[in-house]
Amino acid sequence: MSLIRRHYFRRVLSPINRMRLTPDAVARTMLFGLMWGLSPTVGFQIIGLTATWILVDRWLGFPFNYPIALLLTGVTNPLTVSPIYGLYFVVGCRMTDCEISGFGVRRIVDAIAELDFIALFTRSWETLAEPLGIILLGSVPFIAAGSGLGYYFGRALGAQLQRRREKREKRGKRRGTRLSRRPEAS
C-alpha cells in the first residue's frame, strides 16, 4: 500500500504541486475537465474546453490549468464511450418515458426503398436527433454530479497540496536559519 501511495505522490501529485496551483484553481480545473469529459460531445470536447478556458481564465480572470483539464476529458474515451452513452440514453428514456423499441433504422430503409429523398431526410433526422436529444438530457445529472464531485475533490486536493508546500517551505526556512547560525571555520 505504501508503494502505491508513494508512486501516486511521486507521479501524480508532485508535478501538480510544482505548478503552484491554488486550491481554487485545482477545483476549477477538475470542474471544467469533468464537465466537458462527461458531456456527450465527443469530438467537440476540446473545442468546448478551449472556449471555456478563454472565457473563464483569460476574460474573467479565474485561472485553471488547461492541460490537466484536457486530460480529465479523457473520461469518455473509445473504451468507455459506449457504456457511458448507453447509460445516458437509458436515463434519458426514463426521464421522458420514451420507448426504446421506437428507434430503429427500419424507417430509413423504407424511405430508401421507396426512393423518397424528402422522407429519407426527415426520417433520418428523426432517427438521429431524437436519440441524441435523449442522450443529452440523460447526461445532465451525470455532468452535474460528476463535475460537482470533481470540484469538491479538487478543492480538497488543492488544499492538501498547499499545506504540503507550506510545510516544506517552513522546513526549508528552518534549515536555512540553522545553517546560517553555524560558526565559521577560521
N, C-alpha and C. Protein backbone atom coordinates (compact mmCIF):
# COMPACT_ATOMS: atom_id res chain seq x y z
N MET A 1 0.82 -1.20 0.00
CA MET A 1 0.00 0.00 0.00
C MET A 1 0.87 1.26 0.00
N SER A 2 1.95 1.24 0.77
CA SER A 2 2.81 2.43 0.82
C SER A 2 3.50 2.64 -0.51
N LEU A 3 3.78 1.56 -1.26
CA LEU A 3 4.37 1.69 -2.58
C LEU A 3 3.42 2.41 -3.53
N ILE A 4 2.14 2.05 -3.46
CA ILE A 4 1.14 2.69 -4.31
C ILE A 4 1.00 4.16 -3.93
N ARG A 5 0.96 4.44 -2.64
CA ARG A 5 0.83 5.82 -2.17
C ARG A 5 2.04 6.66 -2.60
N ARG A 6 3.24 6.08 -2.44
CA ARG A 6 4.46 6.78 -2.82
C ARG A 6 4.47 7.05 -4.33
N HIS A 7 4.08 6.04 -5.11
CA HIS A 7 4.00 6.21 -6.56
C HIS A 7 2.98 7.29 -6.93
N TYR A 8 1.84 7.29 -6.25
CA TYR A 8 0.80 8.29 -6.50
C TYR A 8 1.33 9.69 -6.23
N PHE A 9 1.99 9.87 -5.10
CA PHE A 9 2.52 11.20 -4.77
C PHE A 9 3.63 11.60 -5.73
N ARG A 10 4.49 10.66 -6.09
CA ARG A 10 5.62 10.98 -6.95
C ARG A 10 5.19 11.26 -8.38
N ARG A 11 4.31 10.45 -8.92
CA ARG A 11 3.95 10.56 -10.33
C ARG A 11 2.77 11.48 -10.62
N VAL A 12 1.84 11.59 -9.69
CA VAL A 12 0.62 12.36 -9.94
C VAL A 12 0.65 13.71 -9.23
N LEU A 13 0.83 13.68 -7.94
CA LEU A 13 0.72 14.92 -7.16
C LEU A 13 1.95 15.81 -7.26
N SER A 14 3.11 15.23 -7.41
CA SER A 14 4.32 16.03 -7.44
C SER A 14 4.35 17.01 -8.62
N PRO A 15 4.06 16.58 -9.85
CA PRO A 15 4.04 17.55 -10.94
C PRO A 15 2.98 18.63 -10.77
N ILE A 16 1.83 18.26 -10.21
CA ILE A 16 0.78 19.25 -9.96
C ILE A 16 1.24 20.22 -8.89
N ASN A 17 1.93 19.72 -7.88
CA ASN A 17 2.41 20.55 -6.79
C ASN A 17 3.45 21.56 -7.29
N ARG A 18 4.27 21.16 -8.24
CA ARG A 18 5.28 22.07 -8.77
C ARG A 18 4.66 23.23 -9.55
N MET A 19 3.43 23.08 -9.98
CA MET A 19 2.76 24.14 -10.73
C MET A 19 2.29 25.27 -9.84
N ARG A 20 2.25 25.05 -8.55
CA ARG A 20 1.83 26.06 -7.58
C ARG A 20 0.40 26.53 -7.81
N LEU A 21 -0.49 25.59 -8.09
CA LEU A 21 -1.90 25.94 -8.28
C LEU A 21 -2.56 26.14 -6.92
N THR A 22 -3.43 27.11 -6.85
CA THR A 22 -4.19 27.34 -5.63
C THR A 22 -5.30 26.29 -5.54
N PRO A 23 -5.88 26.08 -4.35
CA PRO A 23 -6.98 25.12 -4.24
C PRO A 23 -8.15 25.47 -5.17
N ASP A 24 -8.42 26.76 -5.35
CA ASP A 24 -9.50 27.15 -6.26
C ASP A 24 -9.17 26.80 -7.71
N ALA A 25 -7.92 26.98 -8.11
CA ALA A 25 -7.53 26.66 -9.49
C ALA A 25 -7.60 25.16 -9.74
N VAL A 26 -7.21 24.35 -8.76
CA VAL A 26 -7.30 22.90 -8.91
C VAL A 26 -8.77 22.49 -8.99
N ALA A 27 -9.61 23.11 -8.17
CA ALA A 27 -11.04 22.78 -8.19
C ALA A 27 -11.67 23.16 -9.53
N ARG A 28 -11.34 24.34 -10.04
CA ARG A 28 -11.89 24.75 -11.35
C ARG A 28 -11.37 23.84 -12.46
N THR A 29 -10.11 23.43 -12.37
CA THR A 29 -9.55 22.53 -13.37
C THR A 29 -10.34 21.23 -13.43
N MET A 30 -10.61 20.66 -12.26
CA MET A 30 -11.36 19.41 -12.24
C MET A 30 -12.82 19.62 -12.65
N LEU A 31 -13.39 20.74 -12.25
CA LEU A 31 -14.78 21.04 -12.62
C LEU A 31 -14.94 21.08 -14.13
N PHE A 32 -14.13 21.90 -14.80
CA PHE A 32 -14.30 22.07 -16.25
C PHE A 32 -13.84 20.84 -17.03
N GLY A 33 -12.79 20.17 -16.55
CA GLY A 33 -12.35 18.96 -17.23
C GLY A 33 -13.39 17.87 -17.20
N LEU A 34 -13.98 17.65 -16.03
CA LEU A 34 -15.01 16.61 -15.91
C LEU A 34 -16.32 17.04 -16.55
N MET A 35 -16.61 18.34 -16.50
CA MET A 35 -17.84 18.81 -17.14
C MET A 35 -17.81 18.49 -18.64
N TRP A 36 -16.70 18.82 -19.29
CA TRP A 36 -16.61 18.54 -20.72
C TRP A 36 -16.35 17.07 -20.99
N GLY A 37 -15.68 16.38 -20.07
CA GLY A 37 -15.42 14.96 -20.26
C GLY A 37 -16.67 14.12 -20.15
N LEU A 38 -17.60 14.50 -19.29
CA LEU A 38 -18.82 13.74 -19.11
C LEU A 38 -19.93 14.16 -20.07
N SER A 39 -19.74 15.25 -20.79
CA SER A 39 -20.78 15.68 -21.72
C SER A 39 -20.75 14.81 -22.98
N PRO A 40 -21.89 14.58 -23.59
CA PRO A 40 -21.93 13.73 -24.79
C PRO A 40 -21.56 14.52 -26.03
N THR A 41 -20.38 15.08 -26.02
CA THR A 41 -19.93 15.91 -27.13
C THR A 41 -18.57 15.44 -27.65
N VAL A 42 -18.41 14.13 -27.80
CA VAL A 42 -17.14 13.61 -28.28
C VAL A 42 -16.81 14.24 -29.63
N GLY A 43 -15.61 14.73 -29.73
CA GLY A 43 -15.19 15.43 -30.93
C GLY A 43 -15.24 16.93 -30.77
N PHE A 44 -16.08 17.40 -29.87
CA PHE A 44 -16.19 18.83 -29.62
C PHE A 44 -15.73 19.20 -28.21
N GLN A 45 -15.25 18.22 -27.47
CA GLN A 45 -14.84 18.47 -26.09
C GLN A 45 -13.65 19.42 -26.03
N ILE A 46 -12.69 19.24 -26.91
CA ILE A 46 -11.52 20.12 -26.91
C ILE A 46 -11.92 21.53 -27.29
N ILE A 47 -12.80 21.67 -28.24
CA ILE A 47 -13.26 22.99 -28.65
C ILE A 47 -14.02 23.66 -27.51
N GLY A 48 -14.90 22.91 -26.86
CA GLY A 48 -15.66 23.45 -25.73
C GLY A 48 -14.77 23.82 -24.56
N LEU A 49 -13.78 22.97 -24.26
CA LEU A 49 -12.86 23.27 -23.17
C LEU A 49 -12.00 24.48 -23.50
N THR A 50 -11.58 24.60 -24.73
CA THR A 50 -10.79 25.77 -25.14
C THR A 50 -11.62 27.04 -25.02
N ALA A 51 -12.86 27.00 -25.46
CA ALA A 51 -13.73 28.17 -25.32
C ALA A 51 -13.95 28.51 -23.85
N THR A 52 -14.13 27.49 -23.01
CA THR A 52 -14.29 27.73 -21.57
C THR A 52 -13.03 28.34 -20.99
N TRP A 53 -11.87 27.83 -21.40
CA TRP A 53 -10.60 28.36 -20.90
C TRP A 53 -10.43 29.82 -21.30
N ILE A 54 -10.75 30.16 -22.54
CA ILE A 54 -10.64 31.55 -22.99
C ILE A 54 -11.59 32.43 -22.20
N LEU A 55 -12.82 31.99 -22.02
CA LEU A 55 -13.82 32.79 -21.31
C LEU A 55 -13.48 32.93 -19.82
N VAL A 56 -13.26 31.80 -19.15
CA VAL A 56 -13.10 31.82 -17.70
C VAL A 56 -11.70 32.29 -17.29
N ASP A 57 -10.68 31.75 -17.92
CA ASP A 57 -9.31 32.04 -17.49
C ASP A 57 -8.85 33.39 -18.03
N ARG A 58 -9.01 33.62 -19.29
CA ARG A 58 -8.46 34.82 -19.90
C ARG A 58 -9.34 36.06 -19.70
N TRP A 59 -10.64 35.93 -19.94
CA TRP A 59 -11.50 37.11 -19.87
C TRP A 59 -11.97 37.41 -18.45
N LEU A 60 -12.40 36.38 -17.72
CA LEU A 60 -12.93 36.60 -16.37
C LEU A 60 -11.86 36.58 -15.29
N GLY A 61 -10.70 36.03 -15.59
CA GLY A 61 -9.59 36.05 -14.65
C GLY A 61 -9.65 35.01 -13.55
N PHE A 62 -10.35 33.89 -13.78
CA PHE A 62 -10.38 32.79 -12.83
C PHE A 62 -9.55 31.65 -13.42
N PRO A 63 -8.26 31.56 -13.07
CA PRO A 63 -7.38 30.62 -13.75
C PRO A 63 -7.67 29.16 -13.42
N PHE A 64 -7.46 28.33 -14.42
CA PHE A 64 -7.43 26.89 -14.23
C PHE A 64 -6.42 26.32 -15.21
N ASN A 65 -5.96 25.11 -14.93
CA ASN A 65 -4.90 24.50 -15.72
C ASN A 65 -5.50 23.77 -16.91
N TYR A 66 -5.26 24.30 -18.09
CA TYR A 66 -5.83 23.75 -19.32
C TYR A 66 -5.33 22.33 -19.61
N PRO A 67 -4.01 22.05 -19.53
CA PRO A 67 -3.56 20.68 -19.86
C PRO A 67 -4.14 19.61 -18.94
N ILE A 68 -4.25 19.89 -17.66
CA ILE A 68 -4.82 18.89 -16.75
C ILE A 68 -6.31 18.72 -17.03
N ALA A 69 -7.01 19.82 -17.29
CA ALA A 69 -8.44 19.72 -17.62
C ALA A 69 -8.62 18.93 -18.92
N LEU A 70 -7.71 19.12 -19.86
CA LEU A 70 -7.77 18.36 -21.11
C LEU A 70 -7.59 16.87 -20.86
N LEU A 71 -6.69 16.52 -19.94
CA LEU A 71 -6.53 15.10 -19.58
C LEU A 71 -7.79 14.55 -18.92
N LEU A 72 -8.47 15.36 -18.13
CA LEU A 72 -9.68 14.89 -17.46
C LEU A 72 -10.84 14.65 -18.44
N THR A 73 -10.79 15.26 -19.61
CA THR A 73 -11.84 14.98 -20.60
C THR A 73 -11.73 13.56 -21.13
N GLY A 74 -10.63 12.89 -20.81
CA GLY A 74 -10.44 11.51 -21.24
C GLY A 74 -11.32 10.52 -20.52
N VAL A 75 -12.22 11.00 -19.67
CA VAL A 75 -13.18 10.11 -19.01
C VAL A 75 -13.97 9.35 -20.07
N THR A 76 -14.36 10.06 -21.10
CA THR A 76 -15.02 9.39 -22.22
C THR A 76 -13.96 9.16 -23.29
N ASN A 77 -13.57 7.93 -23.43
CA ASN A 77 -12.57 7.53 -24.41
C ASN A 77 -13.16 6.40 -25.23
N PRO A 78 -12.46 5.89 -26.23
CA PRO A 78 -13.06 4.84 -27.07
C PRO A 78 -13.53 3.60 -26.30
N LEU A 79 -12.95 3.32 -25.15
CA LEU A 79 -13.38 2.15 -24.38
C LEU A 79 -14.62 2.42 -23.54
N THR A 80 -14.80 3.65 -23.10
CA THR A 80 -15.90 3.95 -22.18
C THR A 80 -17.07 4.67 -22.82
N VAL A 81 -16.93 5.12 -24.05
CA VAL A 81 -17.99 5.94 -24.64
C VAL A 81 -19.28 5.15 -24.84
N SER A 82 -19.20 3.90 -25.24
CA SER A 82 -20.43 3.12 -25.46
C SER A 82 -21.21 2.87 -24.18
N PRO A 83 -20.57 2.38 -23.10
CA PRO A 83 -21.37 2.19 -21.89
C PRO A 83 -21.87 3.49 -21.28
N ILE A 84 -21.06 4.55 -21.37
CA ILE A 84 -21.49 5.82 -20.79
C ILE A 84 -22.68 6.38 -21.57
N TYR A 85 -22.60 6.39 -22.89
CA TYR A 85 -23.70 6.93 -23.69
C TYR A 85 -24.92 6.03 -23.60
N GLY A 86 -24.72 4.73 -23.47
CA GLY A 86 -25.86 3.82 -23.26
C GLY A 86 -26.56 4.13 -21.94
N LEU A 87 -25.78 4.38 -20.90
CA LEU A 87 -26.37 4.76 -19.62
C LEU A 87 -27.11 6.08 -19.74
N TYR A 88 -26.52 7.05 -20.44
CA TYR A 88 -27.19 8.33 -20.65
C TYR A 88 -28.52 8.13 -21.38
N PHE A 89 -28.52 7.24 -22.38
CA PHE A 89 -29.75 7.00 -23.15
C PHE A 89 -30.82 6.37 -22.27
N VAL A 90 -30.44 5.40 -21.46
CA VAL A 90 -31.42 4.74 -20.59
C VAL A 90 -31.99 5.73 -19.58
N VAL A 91 -31.11 6.54 -18.98
CA VAL A 91 -31.58 7.53 -18.01
C VAL A 91 -32.46 8.58 -18.70
N GLY A 92 -32.07 9.02 -19.89
CA GLY A 92 -32.88 9.98 -20.64
C GLY A 92 -34.23 9.41 -21.01
N CYS A 93 -34.27 8.12 -21.35
CA CYS A 93 -35.56 7.48 -21.66
C CYS A 93 -36.43 7.38 -20.42
N ARG A 94 -35.83 7.12 -19.28
CA ARG A 94 -36.61 7.07 -18.04
C ARG A 94 -37.16 8.45 -17.70
N MET A 95 -36.39 9.49 -18.03
CA MET A 95 -36.85 10.85 -17.73
C MET A 95 -37.97 11.29 -18.65
N THR A 96 -38.01 10.77 -19.88
CA THR A 96 -39.01 11.21 -20.85
C THR A 96 -40.07 10.16 -21.16
N ASP A 97 -39.97 9.00 -20.56
CA ASP A 97 -40.90 7.89 -20.82
C ASP A 97 -40.93 7.51 -22.30
N CYS A 98 -39.78 7.41 -22.92
CA CYS A 98 -39.73 7.05 -24.34
C CYS A 98 -39.71 5.52 -24.48
N GLU A 99 -39.97 5.08 -25.68
CA GLU A 99 -39.94 3.66 -25.99
C GLU A 99 -38.66 3.38 -26.75
N ILE A 100 -37.82 2.53 -26.18
CA ILE A 100 -36.55 2.22 -26.81
C ILE A 100 -36.77 1.50 -28.14
N SER A 101 -37.80 0.70 -28.26
CA SER A 101 -38.05 -0.04 -29.49
C SER A 101 -38.50 0.88 -30.63
N GLY A 102 -38.89 2.10 -30.33
CA GLY A 102 -39.34 3.03 -31.36
C GLY A 102 -38.22 3.61 -32.20
N PHE A 103 -36.97 3.42 -31.76
CA PHE A 103 -35.83 3.95 -32.51
C PHE A 103 -35.22 2.83 -33.33
N GLY A 104 -35.22 3.02 -34.60
CA GLY A 104 -34.64 2.00 -35.47
C GLY A 104 -34.38 2.55 -36.84
N VAL A 105 -33.67 1.80 -37.60
CA VAL A 105 -33.33 2.23 -38.95
C VAL A 105 -34.34 1.71 -39.98
N ARG A 106 -35.36 1.01 -39.51
CA ARG A 106 -36.35 0.46 -40.44
C ARG A 106 -37.04 1.56 -41.25
N ARG A 107 -37.33 2.69 -40.60
CA ARG A 107 -37.99 3.79 -41.31
C ARG A 107 -37.07 4.36 -42.40
N ILE A 108 -35.78 4.39 -42.13
CA ILE A 108 -34.83 4.90 -43.12
C ILE A 108 -34.73 3.93 -44.30
N VAL A 109 -34.67 2.65 -44.00
CA VAL A 109 -34.59 1.64 -45.05
C VAL A 109 -35.84 1.70 -45.94
N ASP A 110 -36.99 1.90 -45.35
CA ASP A 110 -38.23 2.02 -46.14
C ASP A 110 -38.17 3.24 -47.06
N ALA A 111 -37.64 4.36 -46.57
CA ALA A 111 -37.54 5.57 -47.39
C ALA A 111 -36.55 5.37 -48.54
N ILE A 112 -35.48 4.63 -48.29
CA ILE A 112 -34.51 4.34 -49.37
C ILE A 112 -35.16 3.42 -50.41
N ALA A 113 -35.91 2.43 -49.95
CA ALA A 113 -36.56 1.50 -50.87
C ALA A 113 -37.58 2.21 -51.74
N GLU A 114 -38.23 3.23 -51.20
CA GLU A 114 -39.24 3.97 -51.96
C GLU A 114 -38.62 5.08 -52.81
N LEU A 115 -37.31 5.34 -52.64
CA LEU A 115 -36.60 6.42 -53.32
C LEU A 115 -37.24 7.78 -53.04
N ASP A 116 -37.72 7.96 -51.85
CA ASP A 116 -38.32 9.21 -51.42
C ASP A 116 -37.28 9.97 -50.59
N PHE A 117 -36.61 10.95 -51.24
CA PHE A 117 -35.49 11.63 -50.58
C PHE A 117 -35.95 12.59 -49.48
N ILE A 118 -37.12 13.16 -49.62
CA ILE A 118 -37.63 14.03 -48.56
C ILE A 118 -37.96 13.20 -47.32
N ALA A 119 -38.59 12.07 -47.53
CA ALA A 119 -38.89 11.18 -46.40
C ALA A 119 -37.59 10.62 -45.80
N LEU A 120 -36.61 10.36 -46.66
CA LEU A 120 -35.32 9.87 -46.16
C LEU A 120 -34.68 10.90 -45.24
N PHE A 121 -34.71 12.17 -45.66
CA PHE A 121 -34.13 13.23 -44.83
C PHE A 121 -34.88 13.37 -43.51
N THR A 122 -36.20 13.44 -43.57
CA THR A 122 -36.96 13.64 -42.33
C THR A 122 -36.86 12.42 -41.41
N ARG A 123 -36.92 11.23 -41.96
CA ARG A 123 -36.82 10.03 -41.12
C ARG A 123 -35.41 9.87 -40.54
N SER A 124 -34.39 10.24 -41.32
CA SER A 124 -33.02 10.20 -40.80
C SER A 124 -32.87 11.19 -39.65
N TRP A 125 -33.43 12.37 -39.84
CA TRP A 125 -33.36 13.37 -38.78
C TRP A 125 -34.06 12.88 -37.52
N GLU A 126 -35.25 12.31 -37.68
CA GLU A 126 -35.99 11.79 -36.52
C GLU A 126 -35.25 10.64 -35.86
N THR A 127 -34.64 9.77 -36.66
CA THR A 127 -33.95 8.61 -36.12
C THR A 127 -32.67 9.00 -35.39
N LEU A 128 -32.02 10.08 -35.82
CA LEU A 128 -30.78 10.50 -35.18
C LEU A 128 -30.97 11.58 -34.12
N ALA A 129 -31.80 12.57 -34.39
CA ALA A 129 -31.92 13.72 -33.49
C ALA A 129 -32.63 13.36 -32.18
N GLU A 130 -33.65 12.57 -32.27
CA GLU A 130 -34.39 12.24 -31.05
C GLU A 130 -33.53 11.45 -30.05
N PRO A 131 -32.82 10.40 -30.48
CA PRO A 131 -31.94 9.71 -29.52
C PRO A 131 -30.81 10.60 -29.00
N LEU A 132 -30.27 11.47 -29.86
CA LEU A 132 -29.22 12.37 -29.39
C LEU A 132 -29.75 13.34 -28.34
N GLY A 133 -30.96 13.82 -28.53
CA GLY A 133 -31.58 14.68 -27.53
C GLY A 133 -31.80 13.95 -26.22
N ILE A 134 -32.20 12.69 -26.32
CA ILE A 134 -32.42 11.88 -25.12
C ILE A 134 -31.09 11.63 -24.40
N ILE A 135 -30.04 11.36 -25.17
CA ILE A 135 -28.71 11.17 -24.59
C ILE A 135 -28.25 12.44 -23.89
N LEU A 136 -28.47 13.58 -24.54
CA LEU A 136 -28.07 14.86 -23.94
C LEU A 136 -28.84 15.11 -22.64
N LEU A 137 -30.13 14.85 -22.65
CA LEU A 137 -30.94 15.02 -21.44
C LEU A 137 -30.50 14.05 -20.33
N GLY A 138 -30.21 12.82 -20.70
CA GLY A 138 -29.78 11.83 -19.71
C GLY A 138 -28.40 12.11 -19.14
N SER A 139 -27.61 12.90 -19.84
CA SER A 139 -26.26 13.21 -19.35
C SER A 139 -26.25 14.32 -18.31
N VAL A 140 -27.28 15.13 -18.26
CA VAL A 140 -27.29 16.29 -17.36
C VAL A 140 -27.08 15.91 -15.89
N PRO A 141 -27.76 14.90 -15.34
CA PRO A 141 -27.49 14.56 -13.94
C PRO A 141 -26.06 14.09 -13.69
N PHE A 142 -25.50 13.37 -14.66
CA PHE A 142 -24.13 12.87 -14.50
C PHE A 142 -23.11 14.00 -14.62
N ILE A 143 -23.37 14.94 -15.50
CA ILE A 143 -22.47 16.10 -15.62
C ILE A 143 -22.51 16.91 -14.34
N ALA A 144 -23.71 17.16 -13.83
CA ALA A 144 -23.84 17.95 -12.60
C ALA A 144 -23.17 17.25 -11.41
N ALA A 145 -23.45 15.97 -11.24
CA ALA A 145 -22.88 15.24 -10.10
C ALA A 145 -21.38 15.05 -10.26
N GLY A 146 -20.94 14.67 -11.44
CA GLY A 146 -19.52 14.41 -11.66
C GLY A 146 -18.66 15.65 -11.55
N SER A 147 -19.10 16.74 -12.15
CA SER A 147 -18.30 17.96 -12.07
C SER A 147 -18.38 18.57 -10.68
N GLY A 148 -19.51 18.42 -10.00
CA GLY A 148 -19.61 18.89 -8.61
C GLY A 148 -18.68 18.12 -7.68
N LEU A 149 -18.66 16.80 -7.84
CA LEU A 149 -17.74 15.99 -7.04
C LEU A 149 -16.29 16.30 -7.42
N GLY A 150 -16.04 16.55 -8.69
CA GLY A 150 -14.70 16.92 -9.12
C GLY A 150 -14.26 18.23 -8.50
N TYR A 151 -15.18 19.20 -8.42
CA TYR A 151 -14.85 20.48 -7.79
C TYR A 151 -14.52 20.28 -6.32
N TYR A 152 -15.34 19.49 -5.62
CA TYR A 152 -15.13 19.23 -4.20
C TYR A 152 -13.79 18.51 -3.98
N PHE A 153 -13.55 17.44 -4.75
CA PHE A 153 -12.32 16.69 -4.62
C PHE A 153 -11.11 17.54 -5.01
N GLY A 154 -11.25 18.35 -6.04
CA GLY A 154 -10.16 19.23 -6.46
C GLY A 154 -9.82 20.27 -5.42
N ARG A 155 -10.83 20.78 -4.78
CA ARG A 155 -10.58 21.77 -3.72
C ARG A 155 -9.85 21.12 -2.55
N ALA A 156 -10.27 19.92 -2.16
CA ALA A 156 -9.59 19.20 -1.07
C ALA A 156 -8.16 18.85 -1.47
N LEU A 157 -7.98 18.39 -2.69
CA LEU A 157 -6.65 18.05 -3.17
C LEU A 157 -5.76 19.28 -3.23
N GLY A 158 -6.29 20.39 -3.72
CA GLY A 158 -5.52 21.63 -3.77
C GLY A 158 -5.13 22.14 -2.40
N ALA A 159 -6.05 22.00 -1.43
CA ALA A 159 -5.73 22.42 -0.06
C ALA A 159 -4.65 21.52 0.53
N GLN A 160 -4.71 20.23 0.25
CA GLN A 160 -3.69 19.30 0.74
C GLN A 160 -2.33 19.63 0.13
N LEU A 161 -2.31 19.90 -1.16
CA LEU A 161 -1.05 20.27 -1.81
C LEU A 161 -0.49 21.58 -1.26
N GLN A 162 -1.36 22.53 -0.99
CA GLN A 162 -0.91 23.80 -0.45
C GLN A 162 -0.33 23.62 0.96
N ARG A 163 -0.97 22.79 1.78
CA ARG A 163 -0.43 22.52 3.11
C ARG A 163 0.94 21.86 3.03
N ARG A 164 1.10 20.92 2.11
CA ARG A 164 2.40 20.27 1.94
C ARG A 164 3.45 21.27 1.47
N ARG A 165 3.10 22.16 0.58
CA ARG A 165 4.04 23.20 0.13
C ARG A 165 4.46 24.09 1.28
N GLU A 166 3.48 24.50 2.09
CA GLU A 166 3.78 25.37 3.23
C GLU A 166 4.67 24.67 4.25
N LYS A 167 4.42 23.37 4.50
CA LYS A 167 5.27 22.61 5.41
C LYS A 167 6.70 22.56 4.89
N ARG A 168 6.85 22.30 3.61
CA ARG A 168 8.19 22.23 3.02
C ARG A 168 8.90 23.56 3.10
N GLU A 169 8.16 24.63 2.85
CA GLU A 169 8.78 25.96 2.93
C GLU A 169 9.23 26.26 4.35
N LYS A 170 8.42 25.89 5.35
CA LYS A 170 8.80 26.10 6.75
C LYS A 170 10.04 25.30 7.09
N ARG A 171 10.07 24.03 6.65
CA ARG A 171 11.25 23.21 6.90
C ARG A 171 12.48 23.80 6.22
N GLY A 172 12.30 24.30 5.03
CA GLY A 172 13.42 24.90 4.31
C GLY A 172 13.93 26.15 4.99
N LYS A 173 13.01 26.95 5.52
CA LYS A 173 13.41 28.17 6.23
C LYS A 173 14.14 27.83 7.52
N ARG A 174 13.65 26.81 8.24
CA ARG A 174 14.32 26.40 9.47
C ARG A 174 15.72 25.87 9.17
N ARG A 175 15.85 25.10 8.12
CA ARG A 175 17.17 24.59 7.75
C ARG A 175 18.10 25.73 7.36
N GLY A 176 17.55 26.71 6.69
CA GLY A 176 18.35 27.86 6.27
C GLY A 176 18.84 28.66 7.46
N THR A 177 18.03 28.79 8.50
CA THR A 177 18.46 29.54 9.69
C THR A 177 19.47 28.75 10.48
N ARG A 178 19.33 27.45 10.52
CA ARG A 178 20.31 26.62 11.23
C ARG A 178 21.67 26.70 10.56
N LEU A 179 21.65 26.66 9.26
CA LEU A 179 22.92 26.72 8.53
C LEU A 179 23.62 28.05 8.72
N SER A 180 22.85 29.12 8.82
CA SER A 180 23.47 30.42 8.97
C SER A 180 23.99 30.66 10.39
N ARG A 181 23.54 29.88 11.36
CA ARG A 181 23.99 30.05 12.73
C ARG A 181 25.28 29.28 13.02
N ARG A 182 25.71 28.45 12.12
CA ARG A 182 26.92 27.68 12.35
C ARG A 182 28.13 28.60 12.42
N PRO A 183 29.02 28.32 13.32
CA PRO A 183 30.23 29.16 13.38
C PRO A 183 31.10 28.91 12.16
N GLU A 184 31.66 29.95 11.69
CA GLU A 184 32.50 29.83 10.50
C GLU A 184 33.86 29.28 10.90
N ALA A 185 34.40 28.46 10.04
CA ALA A 185 35.72 27.88 10.32
C ALA A 185 36.78 28.94 10.02
N SER A 186 37.79 29.04 10.90
CA SER A 186 38.81 30.04 10.67
C SER A 186 40.01 29.48 9.96
